[in-house]
Amino acid sequence: MSDEQPMVSVIVLNYNGAKYLSTLLSSLHRQSSNSFELIVVDNGSTDNSIVLIQKSYPEAKILHNRINTYAAGNNVGIRNASGKYILVLNNDTELDENFIHELTQAAKSTPNDVGMWAVKILNFFERGTIDNTGLLLYPDGLSRGRGRLERDAGQYDAVEEVCFPSGCAGMYKKQMLDEIGLFDEDFKFFVEDSDLGFRGRLAGWKCIYVPSARVYHMFSKSFGTYSPEKAFYVERNRLWFVFKLCPWKVILISPFYSFKRYLFQLYGLIIGRGAAKKFSQQYSSYMLGLILLKAWLSGISGIPAVLRKRGKITKRVSNREISSWFRKYRISAREIALKEY
């Protein structure tokens, strides 16, 4: 890496990720651009992660975080970053050799009101399959990757504005984060990237998708694709997302969209398709119902605290513009419920 101040601070959150880190660190060594610093935030690993990092990437700044959550861990890294841009990466990723170069070139050429950059995330094991190309929105607060599980045939190869980046691999302008704040640590895991991206948009910042910046992702290796913990956090946090960030019109109609989604998920259970069916095969439909109930109870109990945060959010856009995002970047209940993850 260069001795000059880095343009990009790469933040990698790690918890017992030794089996993935070698792949990521090797791809960082191969980068065609060296204008970056690497910050690894370790959430109390008990494997040989730290030794591996020190041996294979001695230049890395290693920080220790006592709380094993995605949001808090990344915030520790961001607060210790010196770059103009913050690149958040999952530890189970591999970067194309021009990844950082393509991102920094895009950042240099975009207007001043762009504060986020999404990238082309592909499946690590099936490299012609898309993981996501930026996130889409559903009116009850859920989000999902654009193009998820589609074959990559160039349909997402245009540089364009998207809603916001995935927390798996997304770059943020430090100036934007200084203004709107960091990840909401109460979310702990999941939806925190949607929360951060949406707050950026509320403050008037935009997000640009950079298809030439490619990364390969081993999807949901930490939590599992269909785990009780993931189901709980996603369902609870999407409720907080709505009450914290959305216009009251969206809040009032969101239960209708949740009910519609639940109907499609029930249909998926019956016909044997979708995430609900996959979850019930690993656990049970009964457990899924209990998790949803627990998530709703936890979510509702946290709404007073969420509403207090709502009053402190910077908002420079109209409700009409916000409504347009739910149309332009919308995902259907059918796709959420019936398309496997």
Protein backbone atom coordinates (compact mmCIF):
# COMPACT_ATOMS: atom_id res chain seq x y z
CA MET A 1 0.00 0.00 0.00
CA SER A 2 1.06 3.59 -0.56
CA ASP A 3 2.63 5.66 2.22
CA GLU A 4 0.31 8.54 1.29
CA GLN A 5 -3.07 8.98 2.90
CA PRO A 6 -5.27 6.23 1.44
CA MET A 7 -8.17 7.09 -0.81
CA VAL A 8 -10.16 4.09 0.42
CA SER A 9 -10.42 2.50 3.85
CA VAL A 10 -11.39 -1.17 3.46
CA ILE A 11 -13.32 -2.38 6.51
CA VAL A 12 -13.55 -6.15 6.99
CA LEU A 13 -15.54 -7.49 9.91
CA ASN A 14 -14.41 -10.90 11.13
CA TYR A 15 -15.64 -13.53 13.54
CA ASN A 16 -13.99 -16.95 13.31
CA GLY A 17 -13.54 -16.45 9.59
CA ALA A 18 -10.12 -18.02 9.11
CA LYS A 19 -11.44 -20.44 6.48
CA TYR A 20 -12.56 -17.49 4.31
CA LEU A 21 -9.95 -14.82 5.04
CA SER A 22 -7.12 -16.29 2.97
CA THR A 23 -9.20 -15.90 -0.17
CA LEU A 24 -10.11 -12.29 0.58
CA LEU A 25 -6.62 -11.26 1.69
CA SER A 26 -5.04 -12.82 -1.40
CA SER A 27 -7.43 -10.87 -3.62
CA LEU A 28 -6.51 -7.64 -1.79
CA HIS A 29 -2.84 -8.35 -2.45
CA ARG A 30 -3.62 -8.67 -6.16
CA GLN A 31 -5.36 -5.29 -6.46
CA SER A 32 -4.15 -3.13 -9.33
CA SER A 33 -4.61 -0.05 -7.12
CA ASN A 34 -2.71 0.29 -3.87
CA SER A 35 -4.36 3.48 -2.63
CA PHE A 36 -6.17 1.84 0.26
CA GLU A 37 -5.74 0.79 3.85
CA LEU A 38 -7.06 -2.46 5.32
CA ILE A 39 -8.81 -2.40 8.68
CA VAL A 40 -9.94 -5.74 10.12
CA VAL A 41 -12.33 -5.56 13.04
CA ASP A 42 -12.32 -8.83 14.96
CA ASN A 43 -15.39 -9.62 17.05
CA GLY A 44 -13.71 -11.95 19.51
CA SER A 45 -12.64 -14.81 17.24
CA THR A 46 -11.47 -18.03 18.88
CA ASP A 47 -9.94 -19.56 15.74
CA ASN A 48 -6.59 -18.56 14.21
CA SER A 49 -7.98 -15.56 12.31
CA ILE A 50 -5.68 -12.99 13.93
CA VAL A 51 -2.53 -15.04 13.39
CA LEU A 52 -3.50 -15.60 9.76
CA ILE A 53 -4.04 -11.88 9.16
CA GLN A 54 -0.80 -10.88 10.86
CA LYS A 55 1.14 -13.43 8.82
CA SER A 56 -0.42 -12.90 5.39
CA TYR A 57 -1.25 -9.17 5.58
CA PRO A 58 1.03 -7.53 8.19
CA GLU A 59 0.10 -4.02 6.98
CA ALA A 60 -3.49 -4.52 8.15
CA LYS A 61 -4.73 -2.54 11.11
CA ILE A 62 -6.40 -5.05 13.45
CA LEU A 63 -9.01 -3.74 15.87
CA HIS A 64 -10.79 -5.73 18.56
CA ASN A 65 -14.48 -5.40 19.27
CA ARG A 66 -16.08 -7.08 22.26
CA ILE A 67 -19.62 -7.19 20.82
CA ASN A 68 -20.21 -9.64 17.97
CA THR A 69 -22.60 -7.60 15.85
CA TYR A 70 -22.28 -6.43 12.26
CA ALA A 71 -23.35 -2.84 12.88
CA ALA A 72 -21.18 -2.11 15.93
CA GLY A 73 -18.16 -3.87 14.48
CA ASN A 74 -18.21 -1.93 11.24
CA ASN A 75 -18.65 1.31 13.15
CA VAL A 76 -15.44 0.58 15.09
CA GLY A 77 -13.64 0.25 11.79
CA ILE A 78 -15.15 3.38 10.28
CA ARG A 79 -14.24 5.50 13.30
CA ASN A 80 -10.61 4.44 12.88
CA ALA A 81 -10.52 4.94 9.11
CA SER A 82 -8.50 7.67 7.41
CA GLY A 83 -9.71 7.27 3.83
CA LYS A 84 -11.96 9.60 1.85
CA TYR A 85 -14.15 6.61 1.03
CA ILE A 86 -15.23 3.69 3.23
CA LEU A 87 -15.48 0.27 1.57
CA VAL A 88 -17.35 -2.25 3.72
CA LEU A 89 -16.63 -5.88 2.83
CA ASN A 90 -17.83 -9.23 4.16
CA ASN A 91 -14.99 -11.58 5.08
CA ASP A 92 -16.39 -14.32 2.80
CA THR A 93 -15.70 -12.43 -0.42
CA GLU A 94 -13.09 -12.39 -3.18
CA LEU A 95 -12.35 -9.26 -5.21
CA ASP A 96 -11.63 -8.93 -8.90
CA GLU A 97 -8.11 -7.55 -9.29
CA ASN A 98 -9.40 -4.20 -10.59
CA PHE A 99 -12.16 -3.89 -8.00
CA ILE A 100 -10.79 -0.97 -5.97
CA HIS A 101 -9.44 0.78 -9.08
CA GLU A 102 -12.85 0.67 -10.77
CA LEU A 103 -14.58 2.00 -7.66
CA THR A 104 -12.18 4.87 -7.13
CA GLN A 105 -12.33 5.86 -10.80
CA ALA A 106 -16.12 5.89 -10.57
CA ALA A 107 -15.99 7.99 -7.40
CA LYS A 108 -13.74 10.56 -9.07
CA SER A 109 -16.09 10.95 -12.03
CA THR A 110 -19.47 11.14 -10.28
CA PRO A 111 -21.29 14.31 -9.15
CA ASN A 112 -20.80 15.68 -5.66
CA ASP A 113 -24.23 14.51 -4.49
CA VAL A 114 -23.27 10.84 -4.94
CA GLY A 115 -22.39 9.38 -1.56
CA MET A 116 -22.72 5.63 -2.16
CA TRP A 117 -21.55 3.10 -4.72
CA ALA A 118 -23.00 -0.37 -5.32
CA VAL A 119 -21.02 -3.08 -7.10
CA LYS A 120 -21.70 -6.25 -9.06
CA ILE A 121 -21.75 -9.06 -6.51
CA LEU A 122 -21.59 -12.55 -8.03
CA ASN A 123 -21.90 -15.99 -6.48
CA PHE A 124 -18.48 -17.29 -5.41
CA PHE A 125 -19.25 -20.88 -6.35
CA GLU A 126 -21.27 -20.23 -9.52
CA ARG A 127 -19.61 -17.17 -10.97
CA GLY A 128 -22.14 -16.66 -13.72
CA THR A 129 -24.91 -16.19 -11.14
CA ILE A 130 -25.74 -12.81 -9.63
CA ASP A 131 -25.85 -12.31 -5.88
CA ASN A 132 -26.97 -8.68 -6.15
CA THR A 133 -26.39 -5.44 -8.01
CA GLY A 134 -27.74 -3.03 -5.40
CA LEU A 135 -30.78 -3.42 -3.17
CA LEU A 136 -34.50 -3.22 -3.97
CA LEU A 137 -37.32 -2.17 -1.62
CA TYR A 138 -40.60 -3.70 -0.53
CA PRO A 139 -43.17 -1.39 1.12
CA ASP A 140 -43.06 -3.18 4.49
CA GLY A 141 -39.33 -2.48 4.91
CA LEU A 142 -37.82 -5.63 3.46
CA SER A 143 -35.10 -5.39 0.85
CA ARG A 144 -33.52 -7.84 -1.53
CA GLY A 145 -30.68 -7.83 -4.02
CA ARG A 146 -31.47 -6.66 -7.53
CA GLY A 147 -30.96 -9.55 -9.96
CA ARG A 148 -30.60 -12.10 -7.16
CA LEU A 149 -30.00 -15.63 -8.58
CA GLU A 150 -30.29 -14.48 -12.20
CA ARG A 151 -27.72 -15.63 -14.73
CA ASP A 152 -25.33 -12.78 -15.52
CA ALA A 153 -25.94 -12.09 -19.19
CA GLY A 154 -24.98 -8.43 -19.13
CA GLN A 155 -28.45 -7.23 -18.16
CA TYR A 156 -26.93 -5.22 -15.28
CA ASP A 157 -23.86 -3.87 -17.05
CA ALA A 158 -24.94 -0.23 -17.25
CA VAL A 159 -23.61 2.42 -14.89
CA GLU A 160 -26.81 3.78 -13.34
CA GLU A 161 -28.43 5.09 -10.21
CA VAL A 162 -29.71 2.43 -7.82
CA CYS A 163 -31.39 2.67 -4.44
CA PHE A 164 -28.43 1.83 -2.19
CA PRO A 165 -25.61 -0.74 -1.85
CA SER A 166 -25.57 -4.07 -0.09
CA GLY A 167 -23.61 -4.26 3.15
CA CYS A 168 -21.80 -7.27 1.70
CA ALA A 169 -19.72 -4.94 -0.48
CA GLY A 170 -20.56 -1.26 -0.68
CA MET A 171 -18.61 1.98 -0.70
CA TYR A 172 -19.64 5.16 1.13
CA LYS A 173 -18.27 8.69 1.04
CA LYS A 174 -16.85 9.57 4.45
CA GLN A 175 -18.37 13.04 4.12
CA MET A 176 -21.83 11.48 3.90
CA LEU A 177 -21.25 9.27 6.95
CA ASP A 178 -20.00 12.26 8.95
CA GLU A 179 -23.31 13.95 8.17
CA ILE A 180 -25.88 11.16 8.59
CA GLY A 181 -24.14 8.92 11.13
CA LEU A 182 -22.95 5.32 10.95
CA PHE A 183 -24.73 1.97 11.09
CA ASP A 184 -27.56 1.80 13.64
CA GLU A 185 -26.14 -0.49 16.31
CA ASP A 186 -29.58 -1.42 17.66
CA PHE A 187 -30.19 -3.37 14.43
CA LYS A 188 -27.18 -5.60 15.24
CA PHE A 189 -27.51 -7.81 12.12
CA PHE A 190 -29.46 -7.39 8.87
CA VAL A 191 -31.36 -4.40 7.41
CA GLU A 192 -28.67 -2.09 8.85
CA ASP A 193 -27.33 -1.55 5.33
CA SER A 194 -30.82 -0.58 4.12
CA ASP A 195 -31.19 1.77 7.09
CA LEU A 196 -27.86 3.47 6.34
CA GLY A 197 -28.52 3.71 2.62
CA PHE A 198 -32.03 5.08 3.09
CA ARG A 199 -30.79 7.70 5.56
CA GLY A 200 -28.26 8.76 2.96
CA ARG A 201 -31.00 9.18 0.37
CA LEU A 202 -33.21 11.10 2.81
CA ALA A 203 -30.33 13.55 3.28
CA GLY A 204 -30.13 14.04 -0.48
CA TRP A 205 -27.27 11.69 -1.37
CA LYS A 206 -27.50 9.33 -4.35
CA CYS A 207 -26.09 5.88 -5.10
CA ILE A 208 -24.37 4.82 -8.33
CA TYR A 209 -23.96 1.22 -9.47
CA VAL A 210 -20.50 0.32 -10.84
CA PRO A 211 -20.80 -2.96 -12.80
CA SER A 212 -17.09 -3.10 -13.63
CA ALA A 213 -16.33 -3.48 -9.89
CA ARG A 214 -16.91 -7.19 -9.36
CA VAL A 215 -16.80 -9.21 -6.15
CA TYR A 216 -17.57 -12.88 -5.49
CA HIS A 217 -19.57 -13.75 -2.37
CA MET A 218 -20.08 -16.96 -0.38
CA PHE A 219 -23.68 -16.03 0.52
CA SER A 220 -24.74 -16.16 4.21
CA LYS A 221 -21.85 -18.30 5.42
CA SER A 222 -21.90 -16.70 8.88
CA PHE A 223 -25.58 -17.09 9.75
CA GLY A 224 -26.72 -19.66 7.23
CA THR A 225 -29.14 -18.96 4.42
CA TYR A 226 -32.20 -20.07 6.39
CA SER A 227 -31.47 -19.69 10.11
CA PRO A 228 -33.77 -18.78 13.02
CA GLU A 229 -31.49 -15.88 13.96
CA LYS A 230 -31.54 -14.43 10.45
CA ALA A 231 -35.33 -14.80 10.18
CA PHE A 232 -35.79 -13.00 13.50
CA TYR A 233 -33.49 -10.06 12.79
CA VAL A 234 -34.76 -9.52 9.25
CA GLU A 235 -38.41 -9.48 10.33
CA ARG A 236 -37.86 -7.31 13.41
CA ASN A 237 -35.50 -4.85 11.81
CA ARG A 238 -37.60 -4.27 8.72
CA LEU A 239 -40.38 -3.10 11.09
CA TRP A 240 -37.98 -0.64 12.74
CA PHE A 241 -36.83 0.50 9.30
CA VAL A 242 -40.38 1.51 8.35
CA PHE A 243 -41.17 3.37 11.58
CA LYS A 244 -37.80 5.08 11.68
CA LEU A 245 -37.49 6.26 8.10
CA CYS A 246 -40.68 6.08 6.03
CA PRO A 247 -43.48 8.62 5.57
CA TRP A 248 -46.54 7.96 7.71
CA LYS A 249 -48.50 6.97 4.62
CA VAL A 250 -46.06 4.10 4.04
CA ILE A 251 -46.20 3.14 7.73
CA LEU A 252 -50.01 2.96 7.66
CA ILE A 253 -50.17 0.78 4.55
CA SER A 254 -47.17 -1.44 5.40
CA PRO A 255 -49.27 -4.03 7.37
CA PHE A 256 -51.27 -4.66 4.19
CA TYR A 257 -48.07 -5.41 2.28
CA SER A 258 -46.81 -7.64 5.10
CA PHE A 259 -50.10 -9.57 5.04
CA LYS A 260 -49.79 -9.94 1.26
CA ARG A 261 -46.23 -11.23 1.66
CA TYR A 262 -47.30 -13.71 4.34
CA LEU A 263 -50.00 -15.04 2.02
CA PHE A 264 -47.43 -15.67 -0.69
CA GLN A 265 -45.12 -17.31 1.85
CA LEU A 266 -47.97 -19.56 2.99
CA TYR A 267 -48.62 -20.41 -0.65
CA GLY A 268 -44.92 -21.22 -1.00
CA LEU A 269 -45.14 -23.61 1.94
CA ILE A 270 -48.06 -25.39 0.28
CA ILE A 271 -46.48 -25.74 -3.16
CA GLY A 272 -42.94 -26.31 -1.89
CA ARG A 273 -41.24 -23.13 -3.09
CA GLY A 274 -39.43 -20.16 -1.58
CA ALA A 275 -37.59 -19.24 1.59
CA ALA A 276 -40.40 -20.24 3.98
CA LYS A 277 -40.45 -23.75 2.53
CA LYS A 278 -36.67 -24.05 2.75
CA PHE A 279 -36.75 -22.87 6.35
CA SER A 280 -39.50 -25.34 7.30
CA GLN A 281 -37.51 -28.19 5.77
CA GLN A 282 -34.54 -27.40 8.00
CA TYR A 283 -36.58 -26.56 11.09
CA SER A 284 -40.40 -26.47 11.04
CA SER A 285 -43.34 -24.30 10.04
CA TYR A 286 -44.23 -24.10 13.73
CA MET A 287 -40.80 -22.63 14.56
CA LEU A 288 -41.16 -20.14 11.72
CA GLY A 289 -44.46 -18.94 13.19
CA LEU A 290 -42.91 -18.57 16.65
CA ILE A 291 -39.99 -16.58 15.23
CA LEU A 292 -42.32 -14.22 13.40
CA LEU A 293 -44.34 -13.69 16.59
CA LYS A 294 -41.17 -13.07 18.60
CA ALA A 295 -39.90 -10.64 15.96
CA TRP A 296 -43.17 -8.69 15.95
CA LEU A 297 -43.25 -8.46 19.75
CA SER A 298 -39.64 -7.32 19.91
CA GLY A 299 -40.18 -4.91 17.03
CA ILE A 300 -43.29 -3.32 18.53
CA SER A 301 -41.64 -2.95 21.94
CA GLY A 302 -38.78 -1.05 20.31
CA ILE A 303 -40.94 1.39 18.34
CA PRO A 304 -40.85 4.20 20.98
CA ALA A 305 -37.03 4.26 20.81
CA VAL A 306 -37.17 4.11 17.01
CA LEU A 307 -39.53 7.09 16.88
CA ARG A 308 -37.12 9.12 19.01
CA LYS A 309 -34.43 8.48 16.40
CA ARG A 310 -36.86 9.45 13.64
CA GLY A 311 -36.96 13.02 14.88
CA LYS A 312 -33.19 13.39 14.55
CA ILE A 313 -32.84 12.22 10.94
CA THR A 314 -31.73 14.71 8.29
CA LYS A 315 -34.37 14.91 5.55
CA ARG A 316 -33.94 17.03 2.43
CA VAL A 317 -36.33 15.22 0.08
CA SER A 318 -40.11 15.33 -0.23
CA ASN A 319 -42.48 12.50 0.63
CA ARG A 320 -43.39 12.40 -3.04
CA GLU A 321 -39.80 11.63 -3.94
CA ILE A 322 -39.62 8.96 -1.25
CA SER A 323 -42.76 7.34 -2.66
CA SER A 324 -41.12 7.33 -6.08
CA TRP A 325 -38.28 5.20 -4.70
CA PHE A 326 -40.76 2.50 -3.68
CA ARG A 327 -41.99 2.46 -7.27
CA LYS A 328 -38.66 2.75 -9.06
CA TYR A 329 -36.74 0.28 -6.88
CA ARG A 330 -39.63 -1.96 -5.88
CA ILE A 331 -39.60 -5.72 -5.45
CA SER A 332 -42.82 -7.75 -5.46
CA ALA A 333 -44.21 -9.88 -2.65
CA ARG A 334 -44.25 -12.85 -5.03
CA GLU A 335 -40.51 -12.58 -5.68
CA ILE A 336 -39.67 -12.15 -1.99
CA ALA A 337 -41.78 -15.16 -0.98
CA LEU A 338 -41.30 -17.59 -3.85
CA LYS A 339 -37.77 -16.93 -5.09
CA GLU A 340 -35.18 -18.92 -3.16
CA TYR A 341 -32.26 -17.18 -1.52
